[in-house]
Amino acid sequence: LLTRMAPTRSQVLLALSENTPGVEYITINTLEILAAQMRSNIDVLQTFLHEHDFGLVL
């Protein structure tokens, strides 16, 4: 039942591309770049928390 409620991959990509069809590659590429940048930010945050002994590290 829940799988029927979730949007399809193409529906998600279309929504992320502001309803511009045919730009799936650009949308996926942009998401990959954002994910890499986010990973870098998380690494810096983990290092900071570890160096300053904030306890639980992500």
PDB file of N, CA and C in Angstrom:
ATOM      1  N   LEU A   1       0.828  -1.199   0.000  1.00  0.00           N
ATOM      2  CA  LEU A   1       0.000   0.000   0.000  1.00  0.00           C
ATOM      3  C   LEU A   1       0.870   1.260   0.000  1.00  0.00           C
ATOM      4  N   LEU A   2       1.905   1.286   0.826  1.00  0.00           N
ATOM      5  CA  LEU A   2       2.760   2.474   0.883  1.00  0.00           C
ATOM      6  C   LEU A   2       3.526   2.695  -0.408  1.00  0.00           C
ATOM      7  N   THR A   3       3.909   1.612  -1.086  1.00  0.00           N
ATOM      8  CA  THR A   3       4.645   1.780  -2.337  1.00  0.00           C
ATOM      9  C   THR A   3       3.784   2.437  -3.401  1.00  0.00           C
ATOM     10  N   ARG A   4       2.507   2.255  -3.328  1.00  0.00           N
ATOM     11  CA  ARG A   4       1.608   2.900  -4.292  1.00  0.00           C
ATOM     12  C   ARG A   4       1.432   4.379  -3.988  1.00  0.00           C
ATOM     13  N   MET A   5       1.662   4.758  -2.744  1.00  0.00           N
ATOM     14  CA  MET A   5       1.497   6.153  -2.347  1.00  0.00           C
ATOM     15  C   MET A   5       2.732   6.983  -2.688  1.00  0.00           C
ATOM     16  N   ALA A   6       3.880   6.335  -2.758  1.00  0.00           N
ATOM     17  CA  ALA A   6       5.129   7.053  -3.028  1.00  0.00           C
ATOM     18  C   ALA A   6       5.207   7.438  -4.500  1.00  0.00           C
ATOM     19  N   PRO A   7       5.762   8.614  -4.796  1.00  0.00           N
ATOM     20  CA  PRO A   7       5.899   9.020  -6.202  1.00  0.00           C
ATOM     21  C   PRO A   7       6.950   8.165  -6.908  1.00  0.00           C
ATOM     22  N   THR A   8       6.825   8.064  -8.204  1.00  0.00           N
ATOM     23  CA  THR A   8       7.801   7.322  -8.990  1.00  0.00           C
ATOM     24  C   THR A   8       9.075   8.148  -9.126  1.00  0.00           C
ATOM     25  N   ARG A   9      10.132   7.496  -9.563  1.00  0.00           N
ATOM     26  CA  ARG A   9      11.413   8.181  -9.767  1.00  0.00           C
ATOM     27  C   ARG A   9      11.238   9.335 -10.755  1.00  0.00           C
ATOM     28  N   SER A  10      10.521   9.084 -11.832  1.00  0.00           N
ATOM     29  CA  SER A  10      10.338  10.133 -12.839  1.00  0.00           C
ATOM     30  C   SER A  10       9.518  11.300 -12.285  1.00  0.00           C
ATOM     31  N   GLN A  11       8.554  11.019 -11.424  1.00  0.00           N
ATOM     32  CA  GLN A  11       7.769  12.093 -10.817  1.00  0.00           C
ATOM     33  C   GLN A  11       8.627  12.948  -9.881  1.00  0.00           C
ATOM     34  N   VAL A  12       9.506  12.299  -9.127  1.00  0.00           N
ATOM     35  CA  VAL A  12      10.399  13.034  -8.226  1.00  0.00           C
ATOM     36  C   VAL A  12      11.350  13.910  -9.029  1.00  0.00           C
ATOM     37  N   LEU A  13      11.957  13.333 -10.080  1.00  0.00           N
ATOM     38  CA  LEU A  13      12.885  14.109 -10.909  1.00  0.00           C
ATOM     39  C   LEU A  13      12.185  15.274 -11.588  1.00  0.00           C
ATOM     40  N   LEU A  14      10.968  15.061 -12.040  1.00  0.00           N
ATOM     41  CA  LEU A  14      10.214  16.137 -12.679  1.00  0.00           C
ATOM     42  C   LEU A  14       9.915  17.254 -11.675  1.00  0.00           C
ATOM     43  N   ALA A  15       9.556  16.884 -10.464  1.00  0.00           N
ATOM     44  CA  ALA A  15       9.283  17.888  -9.430  1.00  0.00           C
ATOM     45  C   ALA A  15      10.552  18.664  -9.074  1.00  0.00           C
ATOM     46  N   LEU A  16      11.675  17.965  -8.978  1.00  0.00           N
ATOM     47  CA  LEU A  16      12.934  18.631  -8.647  1.00  0.00           C
ATOM     48  C   LEU A  16      13.418  19.544  -9.765  1.00  0.00           C
ATOM     49  N   SER A  17      13.014  19.241 -10.990  1.00  0.00           N
ATOM     50  CA  SER A  17      13.429  20.069 -12.130  1.00  0.00           C
ATOM     51  C   SER A  17      12.405  21.157 -12.433  1.00  0.00           C
ATOM     52  N   GLU A  18      11.526  21.412 -11.461  1.00  0.00           N
ATOM     53  CA  GLU A  18      10.486  22.435 -11.599  1.00  0.00           C
ATOM     54  C   GLU A  18       9.618  22.191 -12.825  1.00  0.00           C
ATOM     55  N   ASN A  19       9.224  20.920 -12.998  1.00  0.00           N
ATOM     56  CA  ASN A  19       8.323  20.485 -14.075  1.00  0.00           C
ATOM     57  C   ASN A  19       8.857  20.771 -15.472  1.00  0.00           C
ATOM     58  N   THR A  20      10.169  20.688 -15.619  1.00  0.00           N
ATOM     59  CA  THR A  20      10.794  20.839 -16.930  1.00  0.00           C
ATOM     60  C   THR A  20      11.201  19.457 -17.422  1.00  0.00           C
ATOM     61  N   PRO A  21      10.442  18.884 -18.348  1.00  0.00           N
ATOM     62  CA  PRO A  21      10.767  17.534 -18.821  1.00  0.00           C
ATOM     63  C   PRO A  21      12.059  17.518 -19.633  1.00  0.00           C
ATOM     64  N   GLY A  22      12.747  16.377 -19.598  1.00  0.00           N
ATOM     65  CA  GLY A  22      13.941  16.194 -20.407  1.00  0.00           C
ATOM     66  C   GLY A  22      15.232  16.661 -19.782  1.00  0.00           C
ATOM     67  N   VAL A  23      15.209  17.062 -18.531  1.00  0.00           N
ATOM     68  CA  VAL A  23      16.437  17.530 -17.885  1.00  0.00           C
ATOM     69  C   VAL A  23      16.829  16.622 -16.709  1.00  0.00           C
ATOM     70  N   GLU A  24      16.452  15.360 -16.800  1.00  0.00           N
ATOM     71  CA  GLU A  24      16.734  14.425 -15.717  1.00  0.00           C
ATOM     72  C   GLU A  24      18.232  14.330 -15.436  1.00  0.00           C
ATOM     73  N   TYR A  25      19.046  14.288 -16.500  1.00  0.00           N
ATOM     74  CA  TYR A  25      20.493  14.174 -16.325  1.00  0.00           C
ATOM     75  C   TYR A  25      21.031  15.365 -15.532  1.00  0.00           C
ATOM     76  N   ILE A  26      20.575  16.552 -15.863  1.00  0.00           N
ATOM     77  CA  ILE A  26      21.030  17.761 -15.162  1.00  0.00           C
ATOM     78  C   ILE A  26      20.612  17.702 -13.691  1.00  0.00           C
ATOM     79  N   THR A  27      19.386  17.271 -13.447  1.00  0.00           N
ATOM     80  CA  THR A  27      18.886  17.174 -12.076  1.00  0.00           C
ATOM     81  C   THR A  27      19.694  16.165 -11.274  1.00  0.00           C
ATOM     82  N   ILE A  28      19.952  14.998 -11.856  1.00  0.00           N
ATOM     83  CA  ILE A  28      20.729  13.964 -11.168  1.00  0.00           C
ATOM     84  C   ILE A  28      22.152  14.451 -10.917  1.00  0.00           C
ATOM     85  N   ASN A  29      22.752  15.093 -11.900  1.00  0.00           N
ATOM     86  CA  ASN A  29      24.108  15.617 -11.748  1.00  0.00           C
ATOM     87  C   ASN A  29      24.169  16.654 -10.625  1.00  0.00           C
ATOM     88  N   THR A  30      23.195  17.530 -10.575  1.00  0.00           N
ATOM     89  CA  THR A  30      23.141  18.546  -9.526  1.00  0.00           C
ATOM     90  C   THR A  30      22.997  17.897  -8.152  1.00  0.00           C
ATOM     91  N   LEU A  31      22.155  16.875  -8.053  1.00  0.00           N
ATOM     92  CA  LEU A  31      21.985  16.167  -6.785  1.00  0.00           C
ATOM     93  C   LEU A  31      23.278  15.482  -6.353  1.00  0.00           C
ATOM     94  N   GLU A  32      24.019  14.927  -7.307  1.00  0.00           N
ATOM     95  CA  GLU A  32      25.301  14.292  -6.987  1.00  0.00           C
ATOM     96  C   GLU A  32      26.297  15.314  -6.445  1.00  0.00           C
ATOM     97  N   ILE A  33      26.330  16.492  -7.050  1.00  0.00           N
ATOM     98  CA  ILE A  33      27.227  17.560  -6.586  1.00  0.00           C
ATOM     99  C   ILE A  33      26.840  17.996  -5.176  1.00  0.00           C
ATOM    100  N   LEU A  34      25.546  18.194  -4.951  1.00  0.00           N
ATOM    101  CA  LEU A  34      25.080  18.605  -3.626  1.00  0.00           C
ATOM    102  C   LEU A  34      25.386  17.547  -2.575  1.00  0.00           C
ATOM    103  N   ALA A  35      25.219  16.276  -2.929  1.00  0.00           N
ATOM    104  CA  ALA A  35      25.506  15.189  -1.989  1.00  0.00           C
ATOM    105  C   ALA A  35      26.988  15.163  -1.627  1.00  0.00           C
ATOM    106  N   ALA A  36      27.853  15.380  -2.604  1.00  0.00           N
ATOM    107  CA  ALA A  36      29.295  15.401  -2.343  1.00  0.00           C
ATOM    108  C   ALA A  36      29.655  16.568  -1.433  1.00  0.00           C
ATOM    109  N   GLN A  37      29.068  17.728  -1.683  1.00  0.00           N
ATOM    110  CA  GLN A  37      29.332  18.895  -0.838  1.00  0.00           C
ATOM    111  C   GLN A  37      28.817  18.663   0.579  1.00  0.00           C
ATOM    112  N   MET A  38      27.662  18.033   0.683  1.00  0.00           N
ATOM    113  CA  MET A  38      27.098  17.743   1.994  1.00  0.00           C
ATOM    114  C   MET A  38      28.003  16.762   2.745  1.00  0.00           C
ATOM    115  N   ARG A  39      28.527  15.758   2.029  1.00  0.00           N
ATOM    116  CA  ARG A  39      29.431  14.792   2.656  1.00  0.00           C
ATOM    117  C   ARG A  39      30.659  15.506   3.208  1.00  0.00           C
ATOM    118  N   SER A  40      31.188  16.438   2.436  1.00  0.00           N
ATOM    119  CA  SER A  40      32.348  17.210   2.872  1.00  0.00           C
ATOM    120  C   SER A  40      32.021  18.013   4.129  1.00  0.00           C
ATOM    121  N   ASN A  41      30.864  18.640   4.158  1.00  0.00           N
ATOM    122  CA  ASN A  41      30.446  19.420   5.327  1.00  0.00           C
ATOM    123  C   ASN A  41      30.275  18.527   6.552  1.00  0.00           C
ATOM    124  N   ILE A  42      29.727  17.342   6.358  1.00  0.00           N
ATOM    125  CA  ILE A  42      29.539  16.408   7.467  1.00  0.00           C
ATOM    126  C   ILE A  42      30.887  15.948   8.006  1.00  0.00           C
ATOM    127  N   ASP A  43      31.845  15.700   7.104  1.00  0.00           N
ATOM    128  CA  ASP A  43      33.188  15.307   7.539  1.00  0.00           C
ATOM    129  C   ASP A  43      33.821  16.391   8.406  1.00  0.00           C
ATOM    130  N   VAL A  44      33.690  17.643   7.992  1.00  0.00           N
ATOM    131  CA  VAL A  44      34.238  18.763   8.771  1.00  0.00           C
ATOM    132  C   VAL A  44      33.545  18.852  10.128  1.00  0.00           C
ATOM    133  N   LEU A  45      32.236  18.699  10.145  1.00  0.00           N
ATOM    134  CA  LEU A  45      31.483  18.752  11.399  1.00  0.00           C
ATOM    135  C   LEU A  45      31.893  17.613  12.331  1.00  0.00           C
ATOM    136  N   GLN A  46      32.050  16.414  11.792  1.00  0.00           N
ATOM    137  CA  GLN A  46      32.487  15.283  12.613  1.00  0.00           C
ATOM    138  C   GLN A  46      33.857  15.549  13.231  1.00  0.00           C
ATOM    139  N   THR A  47      34.768  16.067  12.439  1.00  0.00           N
ATOM    140  CA  THR A  47      36.104  16.380  12.937  1.00  0.00           C
ATOM    141  C   THR A  47      36.034  17.419  14.048  1.00  0.00           C
ATOM    142  N   PHE A  48      35.257  18.462  13.840  1.00  0.00           N
ATOM    143  CA  PHE A  48      35.099  19.511  14.847  1.00  0.00           C
ATOM    144  C   PHE A  48      34.544  18.936  16.146  1.00  0.00           C
ATOM    145  N   LEU A  49      33.482  18.140  16.043  1.00  0.00           N
ATOM    146  CA  LEU A  49      32.868  17.565  17.240  1.00  0.00           C
ATOM    147  C   LEU A  49      33.839  16.641  17.965  1.00  0.00           C
ATOM    148  N   HIS A  50      34.585  15.866  17.203  1.00  0.00           N
ATOM    149  CA  HIS A  50      35.555  14.952  17.808  1.00  0.00           C
ATOM    150  C   HIS A  50      36.688  15.727  18.493  1.00  0.00           C
ATOM    151  N   GLU A  51      37.208  16.738  17.828  1.00  0.00           N
ATOM    152  CA  GLU A  51      38.315  17.522  18.387  1.00  0.00           C
ATOM    153  C   GLU A  51      37.911  18.293  19.639  1.00  0.00           C
ATOM    154  N   HIS A  52      36.652  18.677  19.730  1.00  0.00           N
ATOM    155  CA  HIS A  52      36.184  19.462  20.872  1.00  0.00           C
ATOM    156  C   HIS A  52      35.399  18.611  21.872  1.00  0.00           C
ATOM    157  N   ASP A  53      35.510  17.303  21.719  1.00  0.00           N
ATOM    158  CA  ASP A  53      34.923  16.336  22.652  1.00  0.00           C
ATOM    159  C   ASP A  53      33.450  16.627  22.964  1.00  0.00           C
ATOM    160  N   PHE A  54      32.652  16.700  21.924  1.00  0.00           N
ATOM    161  CA  PHE A  54      31.223  16.926  22.098  1.00  0.00           C
ATOM    162  C   PHE A  54      30.454  15.629  22.303  1.00  0.00           C
ATOM    163  N   GLY A  55      31.148  14.543  22.544  1.00  0.00           N
ATOM    164  CA  GLY A  55      30.474  13.275  22.807  1.00  0.00           C
ATOM    165  C   GLY A  55      30.119  12.552  21.530  1.00  0.00           C
ATOM    166  N   LEU A  56      28.847  12.329  21.333  1.00  0.00           N
ATOM    167  CA  LEU A  56      28.371  11.557  20.188  1.00  0.00           C
ATOM    168  C   LEU A  56      28.818  12.197  18.883  1.00  0.00           C
ATOM    169  N   VAL A  57      29.502  11.427  18.071  1.00  0.00           N
ATOM    170  CA  VAL A  57      29.955  11.900  16.768  1.00  0.00           C
ATOM    171  C   VAL A  57      29.107  11.230  15.715  1.00  0.00           C
ATOM    172  N   LEU A  58      28.668  11.995  14.739  1.00  0.00           N
ATOM    173  CA  LEU A  58      27.805  11.487  13.675  1.00  0.00           C
ATOM    174  C   LEU A  58      28.447  10.359  12.924  1.00  0.00           C
TER     175      LEU A  58
END
